[in-house]
């Protein structure tokens, strides 16, 4: 199968130029006869890097982040099937975890991307792990951006963990005070959503996620809900980190397994009001160490030399909320590959 390029219409180019200041080229790679995936190329020189988004996001979620790696790398991103400008097969059975992993490898292979470092967020951890297990010789490294979680050990499915979380003091992690979401323009929506999230998505990512109404306001979600359900329902599999013979870096939201209740209180700047509150946090931390510890055990069993870094209270989009620290770790990781 040959590497294919699809031309973007002139009107679309004008829209992208207006709403997406990130300088890149977009190509489309055929991974099946009727499926093409968006390959975003920011250019750069040095180590090839392929960025992989989490579920629900397109490769444009990295539009602000990718240019910060151009000092060391040739940077790409792939938009998963079902999302953004990539194809959306109507058969729900074509979204299994192995198919998604094969998509990543086919884009690398057909795009002639030489031994890249895979850097992926959230659900892409499953895809990277499968590619690393099956094609380690075609990679230079793997970086997990809060991407070790898997549905086989899903914390909310652990009834004890869920109950202990519900019993935590409500003031431990208060929600920010924000204005209502403003959907009148993409810029307004980006700003007001950013207050709730603690970071702002690139406007280009929001335009890949939502339709634009005729008056310029933010419309409905572009991707039908069945796509995410089809993907999610097919993500329960055992992560196998064995046979990954390249360096691994895992940058995680949350506390290290040896963190104490005092570490939690210091991070959240919370003062316990009763012994019962402290006991509730103690119990939750103990259970969290067991649940999340299973993820780390899986990784270290297959990749014992993996470097694991924790960013307490970073949120799931750790590479946005702790961008300077994450970039420093990635640059150090890539420099050590030379």
C-alpha atoms as a PDB file:
ATOM      1  CA  UNK A   1       0.000   0.000   0.000  1.00  0.00           C
ATOM      2  CA  UNK A   2       1.418   3.337  -0.996  1.00  0.00           C
ATOM      3  CA  UNK A   3       1.673   6.545   0.998  1.00  0.00           C
ATOM      4  CA  UNK A   4      -1.145   8.765  -0.243  1.00  0.00           C
ATOM      5  CA  UNK A   5      -1.731  12.502  -0.011  1.00  0.00           C
ATOM      6  CA  UNK A   6      -5.131  14.157  -0.156  1.00  0.00           C
ATOM      7  CA  UNK A   7      -5.369  17.817  -1.076  1.00  0.00           C
ATOM      8  CA  UNK A   8      -7.241  20.080   1.289  1.00  0.00           C
ATOM      9  CA  UNK A   9      -9.798  22.384  -0.350  1.00  0.00           C
ATOM     10  CA  UNK A  10      -8.891  26.051  -0.638  1.00  0.00           C
ATOM     11  CA  UNK A  11     -11.696  27.116   1.691  1.00  0.00           C
ATOM     12  CA  UNK A  12     -10.493  24.689   4.344  1.00  0.00           C
ATOM     13  CA  UNK A  13      -6.940  25.990   3.998  1.00  0.00           C
ATOM     14  CA  UNK A  14      -8.167  29.533   4.578  1.00  0.00           C
ATOM     15  CA  UNK A  15     -10.067  28.455   7.686  1.00  0.00           C
ATOM     16  CA  UNK A  16      -7.100  26.535   9.071  1.00  0.00           C
ATOM     17  CA  UNK A  17      -4.774  29.472   8.474  1.00  0.00           C
ATOM     18  CA  UNK A  18      -7.167  31.724  10.365  1.00  0.00           C
ATOM     19  CA  UNK A  19      -7.873  29.467  13.328  1.00  0.00           C
ATOM     20  CA  UNK A  20      -4.681  27.409  13.478  1.00  0.00           C
ATOM     21  CA  UNK A  21      -1.503  29.498  13.667  1.00  0.00           C
ATOM     22  CA  UNK A  22       0.626  26.382  14.271  1.00  0.00           C
ATOM     23  CA  UNK A  23       2.818  25.918  11.207  1.00  0.00           C
ATOM     24  CA  UNK A  24       2.447  22.429   9.836  1.00  0.00           C
ATOM     25  CA  UNK A  25       1.575  20.403   6.793  1.00  0.00           C
ATOM     26  CA  UNK A  26      -1.272  17.906   6.691  1.00  0.00           C
ATOM     27  CA  UNK A  27      -1.141  14.654   4.734  1.00  0.00           C
ATOM     28  CA  UNK A  28      -3.375  11.614   4.691  1.00  0.00           C
ATOM     29  CA  UNK A  29      -2.129   8.047   4.882  1.00  0.00           C
ATOM     30  CA  UNK A  30      -4.211   5.080   3.686  1.00  0.00           C
ATOM     31  CA  UNK A  31      -4.248   2.326   6.314  1.00  0.00           C
ATOM     32  CA  UNK A  32      -7.098   0.364   4.722  1.00  0.00           C
ATOM     33  CA  UNK A  33      -8.666   0.672   1.260  1.00  0.00           C
ATOM     34  CA  UNK A  34     -11.383   2.986   2.602  1.00  0.00           C
ATOM     35  CA  UNK A  35      -9.614   4.519   5.630  1.00  0.00           C
ATOM     36  CA  UNK A  36      -7.123   7.379   5.634  1.00  0.00           C
ATOM     37  CA  UNK A  37      -5.589   8.957   8.725  1.00  0.00           C
ATOM     38  CA  UNK A  38      -4.485  12.541   9.178  1.00  0.00           C
ATOM     39  CA  UNK A  39      -0.719  12.930   9.573  1.00  0.00           C
ATOM     40  CA  UNK A  40       0.329  16.358  10.811  1.00  0.00           C
ATOM     41  CA  UNK A  41       3.937  17.370  10.153  1.00  0.00           C
ATOM     42  CA  UNK A  42       5.499  20.366  11.899  1.00  0.00           C
ATOM     43  CA  UNK A  43       8.897  19.748  10.342  1.00  0.00           C
ATOM     44  CA  UNK A  44      12.054  20.155  12.380  1.00  0.00           C
ATOM     45  CA  UNK A  45      15.216  18.110  12.331  1.00  0.00           C
ATOM     46  CA  UNK A  46      16.775  15.467  14.545  1.00  0.00           C
ATOM     47  CA  UNK A  47      14.958  12.651  16.317  1.00  0.00           C
ATOM     48  CA  UNK A  48      11.572  11.807  14.788  1.00  0.00           C
ATOM     49  CA  UNK A  49       8.694  12.157  17.262  1.00  0.00           C
ATOM     50  CA  UNK A  50       5.102  11.008  16.729  1.00  0.00           C
ATOM     51  CA  UNK A  51       2.476  12.529  19.027  1.00  0.00           C
ATOM     52  CA  UNK A  52      -0.691  10.544  19.745  1.00  0.00           C
ATOM     53  CA  UNK A  53      -3.805  12.086  21.256  1.00  0.00           C
ATOM     54  CA  UNK A  54      -6.134  10.600  23.824  1.00  0.00           C
ATOM     55  CA  UNK A  55      -9.687   9.474  23.113  1.00  0.00           C
ATOM     56  CA  UNK A  56     -11.868  12.236  21.725  1.00  0.00           C
ATOM     57  CA  UNK A  57      -9.018  14.436  20.551  1.00  0.00           C
ATOM     58  CA  UNK A  58      -7.393  14.920  17.176  1.00  0.00           C
ATOM     59  CA  UNK A  59      -3.701  15.421  16.471  1.00  0.00           C
ATOM     60  CA  UNK A  60      -4.358  19.161  16.554  1.00  0.00           C
ATOM     61  CA  UNK A  61      -4.568  19.003  20.341  1.00  0.00           C
ATOM     62  CA  UNK A  62      -0.756  19.263  20.098  1.00  0.00           C
ATOM     63  CA  UNK A  63      -0.754  22.384  17.885  1.00  0.00           C
ATOM     64  CA  UNK A  64       0.644  24.573  20.692  1.00  0.00           C
ATOM     65  CA  UNK A  65       2.891  21.882  22.180  1.00  0.00           C
ATOM     66  CA  UNK A  66       4.569  20.387  19.107  1.00  0.00           C
ATOM     67  CA  UNK A  67       6.514  23.522  18.073  1.00  0.00           C
ATOM     68  CA  UNK A  68       8.270  23.452  21.449  1.00  0.00           C
ATOM     69  CA  UNK A  69       9.991  20.205  20.388  1.00  0.00           C
ATOM     70  CA  UNK A  70      11.301  21.500  17.074  1.00  0.00           C
ATOM     71  CA  UNK A  71      14.643  22.419  18.652  1.00  0.00           C
ATOM     72  CA  UNK A  72      15.494  18.720  18.898  1.00  0.00           C
ATOM     73  CA  UNK A  73      13.082  16.786  16.769  1.00  0.00           C
ATOM     74  CA  UNK A  74      11.115  16.294  13.579  1.00  0.00           C
ATOM     75  CA  UNK A  75       7.595  16.337  14.990  1.00  0.00           C
ATOM     76  CA  UNK A  76       4.493  14.578  13.693  1.00  0.00           C
ATOM     77  CA  UNK A  77       1.037  13.764  15.071  1.00  0.00           C
ATOM     78  CA  UNK A  78      -1.573  11.232  13.990  1.00  0.00           C
ATOM     79  CA  UNK A  79      -5.334  11.679  14.282  1.00  0.00           C
ATOM     80  CA  UNK A  80      -6.978   8.392  15.255  1.00  0.00           C
ATOM     81  CA  UNK A  81      -9.676   6.927  12.992  1.00  0.00           C
ATOM     82  CA  UNK A  82     -13.118   8.235  13.868  1.00  0.00           C
ATOM     83  CA  UNK A  83     -11.923  11.705  14.869  1.00  0.00           C
ATOM     84  CA  UNK A  84     -11.050  15.002  13.237  1.00  0.00           C
ATOM     85  CA  UNK A  85     -10.231  14.783   9.556  1.00  0.00           C
ATOM     86  CA  UNK A  86      -9.446  11.052   9.654  1.00  0.00           C
ATOM     87  CA  UNK A  87     -11.868   8.528   8.186  1.00  0.00           C
ATOM     88  CA  UNK A  88     -14.819   7.291  10.228  1.00  0.00           C
ATOM     89  CA  UNK A  89     -15.761   3.716   9.289  1.00  0.00           C
ATOM     90  CA  UNK A  90     -19.399   2.971  10.117  1.00  0.00           C
ATOM     91  CA  UNK A  91     -18.699  -0.578  11.325  1.00  0.00           C
ATOM     92  CA  UNK A  92     -18.189  -0.416  15.106  1.00  0.00           C
ATOM     93  CA  UNK A  93     -16.079  -3.577  14.988  1.00  0.00           C
ATOM     94  CA  UNK A  94     -13.358  -1.690  13.118  1.00  0.00           C
ATOM     95  CA  UNK A  95     -12.284   0.249  16.230  1.00  0.00           C
ATOM     96  CA  UNK A  96     -10.659  -2.504  18.260  1.00  0.00           C
ATOM     97  CA  UNK A  97      -7.457  -1.848  20.185  1.00  0.00           C
ATOM     98  CA  UNK A  98      -5.335  -3.977  17.851  1.00  0.00           C
ATOM     99  CA  UNK A  99      -6.699  -2.188  14.780  1.00  0.00           C
ATOM    100  CA  UNK A 100      -5.877   1.199  16.316  1.00  0.00           C
ATOM    101  CA  UNK A 101      -2.348   0.053  17.153  1.00  0.00           C
ATOM    102  CA  UNK A 102      -1.909  -1.277  13.619  1.00  0.00           C
ATOM    103  CA  UNK A 103      -3.024   2.131  12.318  1.00  0.00           C
ATOM    104  CA  UNK A 104      -0.204   3.836  14.206  1.00  0.00           C
ATOM    105  CA  UNK A 105       2.401   1.445  12.880  1.00  0.00           C
ATOM    106  CA  UNK A 106       1.121   1.683   9.306  1.00  0.00           C
ATOM    107  CA  UNK A 107       1.331   5.479   9.345  1.00  0.00           C
ATOM    108  CA  UNK A 108       4.896   5.265  10.675  1.00  0.00           C
ATOM    109  CA  UNK A 109       5.808   2.662   8.081  1.00  0.00           C
ATOM    110  CA  UNK A 110       4.083   4.147   5.042  1.00  0.00           C
ATOM    111  CA  UNK A 111       4.999   7.684   6.058  1.00  0.00           C
ATOM    112  CA  UNK A 112       8.667   6.612   6.104  1.00  0.00           C
ATOM    113  CA  UNK A 113       9.128   8.022   9.610  1.00  0.00           C
ATOM    114  CA  UNK A 114      12.492   6.687  10.803  1.00  0.00           C
ATOM    115  CA  UNK A 115      12.486   5.039  14.270  1.00  0.00           C
ATOM    116  CA  UNK A 116      10.355   7.614  16.064  1.00  0.00           C
ATOM    117  CA  UNK A 117       9.797   8.255  19.736  1.00  0.00           C
ATOM    118  CA  UNK A 118       6.094   7.718  20.377  1.00  0.00           C
ATOM    119  CA  UNK A 119       4.694  10.312  22.780  1.00  0.00           C
ATOM    120  CA  UNK A 120       1.077   9.640  23.642  1.00  0.00           C
ATOM    121  CA  UNK A 121      -1.638  10.837  25.969  1.00  0.00           C
ATOM    122  CA  UNK A 122      -4.273   8.841  27.830  1.00  0.00           C
ATOM    123  CA  UNK A 123      -5.870   6.063  25.736  1.00  0.00           C
ATOM    124  CA  UNK A 124      -2.996   6.114  23.249  1.00  0.00           C
ATOM    125  CA  UNK A 125      -0.970   4.319  25.910  1.00  0.00           C
ATOM    126  CA  UNK A 126      -2.623   1.093  24.807  1.00  0.00           C
ATOM    127  CA  UNK A 127      -1.718   1.726  21.175  1.00  0.00           C
ATOM    128  CA  UNK A 128       1.887   2.616  22.032  1.00  0.00           C
ATOM    129  CA  UNK A 129       2.272  -0.449  24.236  1.00  0.00           C
ATOM    130  CA  UNK A 130       1.010  -2.745  21.473  1.00  0.00           C
ATOM    131  CA  UNK A 131       3.248  -1.116  18.857  1.00  0.00           C
ATOM    132  CA  UNK A 132       6.218  -1.334  21.216  1.00  0.00           C
ATOM    133  CA  UNK A 133       5.515  -4.978  21.968  1.00  0.00           C
ATOM    134  CA  UNK A 134       5.166  -5.925  18.296  1.00  0.00           C
ATOM    135  CA  UNK A 135       7.545  -3.510  16.538  1.00  0.00           C
ATOM    136  CA  UNK A 136      10.117  -2.435  19.111  1.00  0.00           C
ATOM    137  CA  UNK A 137      12.825  -2.537  16.459  1.00  0.00           C
ATOM    138  CA  UNK A 138      11.069   0.295  14.581  1.00  0.00           C
ATOM    139  CA  UNK A 139      10.975   2.649  17.559  1.00  0.00           C
ATOM    140  CA  UNK A 140      13.518   4.769  19.446  1.00  0.00           C
ATOM    141  CA  UNK A 141      11.512   5.248  22.632  1.00  0.00           C
ATOM    142  CA  UNK A 142       8.072   5.597  24.216  1.00  0.00           C
ATOM    143  CA  UNK A 143       6.767   8.424  26.416  1.00  0.00           C
ATOM    144  CA  UNK A 144       3.496   7.932  28.297  1.00  0.00           C
ATOM    145  CA  UNK A 145       1.673  11.185  29.110  1.00  0.00           C
ATOM    146  CA  UNK A 146      -0.635  10.055  31.914  1.00  0.00           C
ATOM    147  CA  UNK A 147      -1.223   7.054  29.660  1.00  0.00           C
ATOM    148  CA  UNK A 148      -0.586   4.006  31.864  1.00  0.00           C
ATOM    149  CA  UNK A 149      -4.224   3.557  32.821  1.00  0.00           C
ATOM    150  CA  UNK A 150      -6.163   0.673  31.334  1.00  0.00           C
ATOM    151  CA  UNK A 151      -9.727  -0.506  31.632  1.00  0.00           C
ATOM    152  CA  UNK A 152      -8.641  -3.868  33.000  1.00  0.00           C
ATOM    153  CA  UNK A 153      -7.700  -1.970  36.179  1.00  0.00           C
ATOM    154  CA  UNK A 154     -10.065   0.992  35.942  1.00  0.00           C
ATOM    155  CA  UNK A 155     -10.214   2.786  39.328  1.00  0.00           C
ATOM    156  CA  UNK A 156     -13.919   3.779  39.124  1.00  0.00           C
ATOM    157  CA  UNK A 157     -14.733   0.104  38.563  1.00  0.00           C
ATOM    158  CA  UNK A 158     -13.106  -0.673  41.919  1.00  0.00           C
ATOM    159  CA  UNK A 159     -16.097  -0.247  44.215  1.00  0.00           C
ATOM    160  CA  UNK A 160     -13.987   0.233  47.331  1.00  0.00           C
ATOM    161  CA  UNK A 161     -11.895   2.952  45.684  1.00  0.00           C
ATOM    162  CA  UNK A 162     -15.007   4.714  44.352  1.00  0.00           C
ATOM    163  CA  UNK A 163     -16.665   4.662  47.776  1.00  0.00           C
ATOM    164  CA  UNK A 164     -13.557   6.034  49.474  1.00  0.00           C
ATOM    165  CA  UNK A 165     -13.272   8.804  46.899  1.00  0.00           C
ATOM    166  CA  UNK A 166     -16.896   9.782  47.517  1.00  0.00           C
ATOM    167  CA  UNK A 167     -16.156   9.999  51.262  1.00  0.00           C
ATOM    168  CA  UNK A 168     -13.311  12.522  50.869  1.00  0.00           C
ATOM    169  CA  UNK A 169     -13.809  16.003  52.366  1.00  0.00           C
ATOM    170  CA  UNK A 170     -15.598  18.119  49.729  1.00  0.00           C
ATOM    171  CA  UNK A 171     -13.199  21.018  50.252  1.00  0.00           C
ATOM    172  CA  UNK A 172     -10.080  18.970  49.585  1.00  0.00           C
ATOM    173  CA  UNK A 173     -10.089  19.799  45.889  1.00  0.00           C
ATOM    174  CA  UNK A 174     -12.534  22.666  45.298  1.00  0.00           C
ATOM    175  CA  UNK A 175     -13.714  23.560  41.804  1.00  0.00           C
ATOM    176  CA  UNK A 176     -12.596  26.927  40.409  1.00  0.00           C
ATOM    177  CA  UNK A 177     -15.058  29.805  40.243  1.00  0.00           C
ATOM    178  CA  UNK A 178     -15.630  30.419  36.545  1.00  0.00           C
ATOM    179  CA  UNK A 179     -18.094  32.285  34.351  1.00  0.00           C
ATOM    180  CA  UNK A 180     -20.626  30.228  32.374  1.00  0.00           C
ATOM    181  CA  UNK A 181     -19.346  28.644  29.189  1.00  0.00           C
ATOM    182  CA  UNK A 182     -19.618  31.160  26.357  1.00  0.00           C
ATOM    183  CA  UNK A 183     -20.288  29.477  23.018  1.00  0.00           C
ATOM    184  CA  UNK A 184     -20.788  32.713  21.070  1.00  0.00           C
ATOM    185  CA  UNK A 185     -17.387  32.303  19.369  1.00  0.00           C
ATOM    186  CA  UNK A 186     -14.647  29.704  19.445  1.00  0.00           C
ATOM    187  CA  UNK A 187     -12.328  32.200  21.111  1.00  0.00           C
ATOM    188  CA  UNK A 188     -14.863  32.861  23.892  1.00  0.00           C
ATOM    189  CA  UNK A 189     -15.549  29.166  24.352  1.00  0.00           C
ATOM    190  CA  UNK A 190     -11.837  28.402  24.514  1.00  0.00           C
ATOM    191  CA  UNK A 191     -11.332  31.048  27.189  1.00  0.00           C
ATOM    192  CA  UNK A 192     -14.273  30.094  29.420  1.00  0.00           C
ATOM    193  CA  UNK A 193     -13.622  26.364  29.058  1.00  0.00           C
ATOM    194  CA  UNK A 194     -10.000  27.042  29.948  1.00  0.00           C
ATOM    195  CA  UNK A 195     -11.063  28.479  33.296  1.00  0.00           C
ATOM    196  CA  UNK A 196     -12.819  25.224  34.188  1.00  0.00           C
ATOM    197  CA  UNK A 197     -10.011  22.997  32.938  1.00  0.00           C
ATOM    198  CA  UNK A 198      -7.020  24.988  34.138  1.00  0.00           C
ATOM    199  CA  UNK A 199      -5.536  25.056  30.617  1.00  0.00           C
ATOM    200  CA  UNK A 200      -6.693  25.999  27.129  1.00  0.00           C
ATOM    201  CA  UNK A 201      -7.042  23.726  24.139  1.00  0.00           C
ATOM    202  CA  UNK A 202      -5.724  25.107  20.847  1.00  0.00           C
ATOM    203  CA  UNK A 203      -8.597  26.705  18.955  1.00  0.00           C
ATOM    204  CA  UNK A 204      -7.814  24.391  16.050  1.00  0.00           C
ATOM    205  CA  UNK A 205      -8.551  21.393  18.295  1.00  0.00           C
ATOM    206  CA  UNK A 206     -11.913  22.837  19.299  1.00  0.00           C
ATOM    207  CA  UNK A 207     -12.734  23.355  15.614  1.00  0.00           C
ATOM    208  CA  UNK A 208     -11.901  19.718  14.995  1.00  0.00           C
ATOM    209  CA  UNK A 209     -14.225  18.780  17.861  1.00  0.00           C
ATOM    210  CA  UNK A 210     -17.245  21.023  17.280  1.00  0.00           C
ATOM    211  CA  UNK A 211     -19.168  22.285  14.284  1.00  0.00           C
ATOM    212  CA  UNK A 212     -19.325  26.026  13.685  1.00  0.00           C
ATOM    213  CA  UNK A 213     -22.774  27.567  13.376  1.00  0.00           C
ATOM    214  CA  UNK A 214     -23.521  30.125  10.682  1.00  0.00           C
ATOM    215  CA  UNK A 215     -23.249  32.975  13.176  1.00  0.00           C
ATOM    216  CA  UNK A 216     -19.750  31.832  14.230  1.00  0.00           C
ATOM    217  CA  UNK A 217     -20.872  30.269  17.492  1.00  0.00           C
ATOM    218  CA  UNK A 218     -19.804  26.836  18.690  1.00  0.00           C
ATOM    219  CA  UNK A 219     -22.164  24.108  17.517  1.00  0.00           C
ATOM    220  CA  UNK A 220     -22.615  20.443  18.259  1.00  0.00           C
ATOM    221  CA  UNK A 221     -19.887  17.849  18.716  1.00  0.00           C
ATOM    222  CA  UNK A 222     -18.764  16.704  15.273  1.00  0.00           C
ATOM    223  CA  UNK A 223     -18.090  13.066  16.112  1.00  0.00           C
ATOM    224  CA  UNK A 224     -21.127  10.869  16.867  1.00  0.00           C
ATOM    225  CA  UNK A 225     -21.166   9.383  20.336  1.00  0.00           C
ATOM    226  CA  UNK A 226     -21.111   5.831  18.985  1.00  0.00           C
ATOM    227  CA  UNK A 227     -17.498   6.309  17.835  1.00  0.00           C
ATOM    228  CA  UNK A 228     -16.163   6.872  21.349  1.00  0.00           C
ATOM    229  CA  UNK A 229     -18.361   4.068  22.681  1.00  0.00           C
ATOM    230  CA  UNK A 230     -17.115   1.695  19.986  1.00  0.00           C
ATOM    231  CA  UNK A 231     -13.530   2.508  20.887  1.00  0.00           C
ATOM    232  CA  UNK A 232     -14.048   2.406  24.636  1.00  0.00           C
ATOM    233  CA  UNK A 233     -15.843  -0.924  24.619  1.00  0.00           C
ATOM    234  CA  UNK A 234     -12.904  -2.484  22.791  1.00  0.00           C
ATOM    235  CA  UNK A 235     -10.157  -1.226  25.067  1.00  0.00           C
ATOM    236  CA  UNK A 236     -10.291  -3.920  27.735  1.00  0.00           C
ATOM    237  CA  UNK A 237      -7.139  -5.933  27.230  1.00  0.00           C
ATOM    238  CA  UNK A 238      -4.061  -6.782  29.264  1.00  0.00           C
ATOM    239  CA  UNK A 239      -1.239  -4.320  28.776  1.00  0.00           C
ATOM    240  CA  UNK A 240       1.875  -6.274  27.838  1.00  0.00           C
ATOM    241  CA  UNK A 241       5.039  -4.219  28.204  1.00  0.00           C
ATOM    242  CA  UNK A 242       7.306  -7.193  27.559  1.00  0.00           C
ATOM    243  CA  UNK A 243       9.381  -7.155  24.397  1.00  0.00           C
ATOM    244  CA  UNK A 244       9.640  -3.363  24.530  1.00  0.00           C
ATOM    245  CA  UNK A 245      13.374  -2.969  24.016  1.00  0.00           C
ATOM    246  CA  UNK A 246      13.534   0.825  23.878  1.00  0.00           C
ATOM    247  CA  UNK A 247      13.768   3.426  26.665  1.00  0.00           C
ATOM    248  CA  UNK A 248      10.462   4.281  28.350  1.00  0.00           C
ATOM    249  CA  UNK A 249       9.407   7.452  30.164  1.00  0.00           C
ATOM    250  CA  UNK A 250       6.101   7.726  32.055  1.00  0.00           C
ATOM    251  CA  UNK A 251       4.901  11.160  33.175  1.00  0.00           C
ATOM    252  CA  UNK A 252       1.868  10.782  35.410  1.00  0.00           C
ATOM    253  CA  UNK A 253      -0.734  12.902  37.107  1.00  0.00           C
ATOM    254  CA  UNK A 254      -1.006  11.977  40.752  1.00  0.00           C
ATOM    255  CA  UNK A 255       1.089  10.983  43.725  1.00  0.00           C
ATOM    256  CA  UNK A 256       3.919   8.484  43.919  1.00  0.00           C
ATOM    257  CA  UNK A 257       3.085   5.165  45.604  1.00  0.00           C
ATOM    258  CA  UNK A 258       4.950   6.195  48.758  1.00  0.00           C
ATOM    259  CA  UNK A 259       3.065   9.505  49.111  1.00  0.00           C
ATOM    260  CA  UNK A 260       1.455  10.176  52.468  1.00  0.00           C
ATOM    261  CA  UNK A 261      -1.638  12.015  53.603  1.00  0.00           C
ATOM    262  CA  UNK A 262       0.610  14.903  54.626  1.00  0.00           C
ATOM    263  CA  UNK A 263       1.837  15.125  51.011  1.00  0.00           C
ATOM    264  CA  UNK A 264      -1.776  15.367  49.849  1.00  0.00           C
ATOM    265  CA  UNK A 265      -2.653  18.054  52.380  1.00  0.00           C
ATOM    266  CA  UNK A 266       0.401  20.095  51.426  1.00  0.00           C
ATOM    267  CA  UNK A 267      -0.313  19.828  47.703  1.00  0.00           C
ATOM    268  CA  UNK A 268      -3.950  20.859  48.033  1.00  0.00           C
ATOM    269  CA  UNK A 269      -3.221  23.350  50.834  1.00  0.00           C
ATOM    270  CA  UNK A 270      -5.945  21.805  52.882  1.00  0.00           C
ATOM    271  CA  UNK A 271      -6.189  21.776  56.670  1.00  0.00           C
ATOM    272  CA  UNK A 272      -8.079  18.807  58.078  1.00  0.00           C
ATOM    273  CA  UNK A 273     -10.919  19.783  60.371  1.00  0.00           C
ATOM    274  CA  UNK A 274     -11.507  16.505  62.208  1.00  0.00           C
ATOM    275  CA  UNK A 275      -9.701  13.209  62.847  1.00  0.00           C
ATOM    276  CA  UNK A 276     -12.402  11.574  60.727  1.00  0.00           C
ATOM    277  CA  UNK A 277     -11.413  13.686  57.718  1.00  0.00           C
ATOM    278  CA  UNK A 278      -7.796  12.654  58.041  1.00  0.00           C
ATOM    279  CA  UNK A 279      -8.784   9.010  58.405  1.00  0.00           C
ATOM    280  CA  UNK A 280     -10.882   9.268  55.232  1.00  0.00           C
ATOM    281  CA  UNK A 281      -7.894  10.600  53.294  1.00  0.00           C
ATOM    282  CA  UNK A 282      -5.654   7.901  54.790  1.00  0.00           C
ATOM    283  CA  UNK A 283      -8.013   5.168  53.621  1.00  0.00           C
ATOM    284  CA  UNK A 284      -8.334   6.663  50.145  1.00  0.00           C
ATOM    285  CA  UNK A 285      -4.569   6.992  49.739  1.00  0.00           C
ATOM    286  CA  UNK A 286      -4.008   3.400  50.846  1.00  0.00           C
ATOM    287  CA  UNK A 287      -6.531   2.083  48.336  1.00  0.00           C
ATOM    288  CA  UNK A 288      -5.224   4.373  45.574  1.00  0.00           C
ATOM    289  CA  UNK A 289      -1.717   3.015  46.076  1.00  0.00           C
ATOM    290  CA  UNK A 290      -3.081  -0.493  45.519  1.00  0.00           C
ATOM    291  CA  UNK A 291      -5.200   0.367  42.469  1.00  0.00           C
ATOM    292  CA  UNK A 292      -2.722   2.615  40.681  1.00  0.00           C
ATOM    293  CA  UNK A 293       0.154   0.476  41.848  1.00  0.00           C
ATOM    294  CA  UNK A 294      -1.124  -2.286  39.587  1.00  0.00           C
ATOM    295  CA  UNK A 295      -0.473  -0.046  36.570  1.00  0.00           C
ATOM    296  CA  UNK A 296       3.092   0.593  37.700  1.00  0.00           C
ATOM    297  CA  UNK A 297       3.680  -3.090  38.436  1.00  0.00           C
ATOM    298  CA  UNK A 298       2.637  -3.995  34.906  1.00  0.00           C
ATOM    299  CA  UNK A 299       4.988  -1.399  33.435  1.00  0.00           C
ATOM    300  CA  UNK A 300       7.976  -2.263  35.611  1.00  0.00           C
ATOM    301  CA  UNK A 301       7.510  -5.994  35.038  1.00  0.00           C
ATOM    302  CA  UNK A 302       7.877  -5.568  31.293  1.00  0.00           C
ATOM    303  CA  UNK A 303      10.084  -2.483  31.217  1.00  0.00           C
ATOM    304  CA  UNK A 304      12.060  -2.478  34.480  1.00  0.00           C
ATOM    305  CA  UNK A 305      14.261   0.452  33.482  1.00  0.00           C
ATOM    306  CA  UNK A 306      11.359   2.801  32.752  1.00  0.00           C
ATOM    307  CA  UNK A 307      11.645   6.247  34.319  1.00  0.00           C
ATOM    308  CA  UNK A 308       8.455   7.208  36.164  1.00  0.00           C
ATOM    309  CA  UNK A 309       7.699  10.793  37.180  1.00  0.00           C
ATOM    310  CA  UNK A 310       4.693  12.028  39.173  1.00  0.00           C
ATOM    311  CA  UNK A 311       3.045  15.449  39.068  1.00  0.00           C
ATOM    312  CA  UNK A 312       0.552  15.718  41.945  1.00  0.00           C
ATOM    313  CA  UNK A 313      -2.634  17.624  41.139  1.00  0.00           C
ATOM    314  CA  UNK A 314      -1.601  18.070  37.517  1.00  0.00           C
ATOM    315  CA  UNK A 315      -4.840  16.814  36.032  1.00  0.00           C
ATOM    316  CA  UNK A 316      -5.137  14.359  33.186  1.00  0.00           C
ATOM    317  CA  UNK A 317      -3.664  16.699  30.554  1.00  0.00           C
ATOM    318  CA  UNK A 318      -0.350  16.748  32.376  1.00  0.00           C
ATOM    319  CA  UNK A 319       1.569  17.899  29.296  1.00  0.00           C
ATOM    320  CA  UNK A 320      -0.468  21.120  29.287  1.00  0.00           C
ATOM    321  CA  UNK A 321      -0.708  21.849  33.003  1.00  0.00           C
ATOM    322  CA  UNK A 322       2.954  21.004  33.723  1.00  0.00           C
ATOM    323  CA  UNK A 323       4.308  21.909  30.330  1.00  0.00           C
ATOM    324  CA  UNK A 324       7.714  23.244  31.368  1.00  0.00           C
ATOM    325  CA  UNK A 325       8.483  20.169  33.503  1.00  0.00           C
ATOM    326  CA  UNK A 326       7.183  17.772  30.850  1.00  0.00           C
ATOM    327  CA  UNK A 327       9.216  19.438  28.107  1.00  0.00           C
ATOM    328  CA  UNK A 328      12.320  19.266  30.293  1.00  0.00           C
ATOM    329  CA  UNK A 329      11.826  15.529  30.859  1.00  0.00           C
ATOM    330  CA  UNK A 330      11.194  14.855  27.172  1.00  0.00           C
ATOM    331  CA  UNK A 331      14.227  16.855  26.050  1.00  0.00           C
ATOM    332  CA  UNK A 332      16.426  14.994  28.546  1.00  0.00           C
ATOM    333  CA  UNK A 333      14.964  11.667  27.434  1.00  0.00           C
ATOM    334  CA  UNK A 334      15.575  12.368  23.758  1.00  0.00           C
ATOM    335  CA  UNK A 335      19.068  13.713  24.340  1.00  0.00           C
ATOM    336  CA  UNK A 336      19.998  10.436  26.044  1.00  0.00           C
ATOM    337  CA  UNK A 337      19.008   8.478  22.913  1.00  0.00           C
ATOM    338  CA  UNK A 338      21.825   9.942  20.856  1.00  0.00           C
END
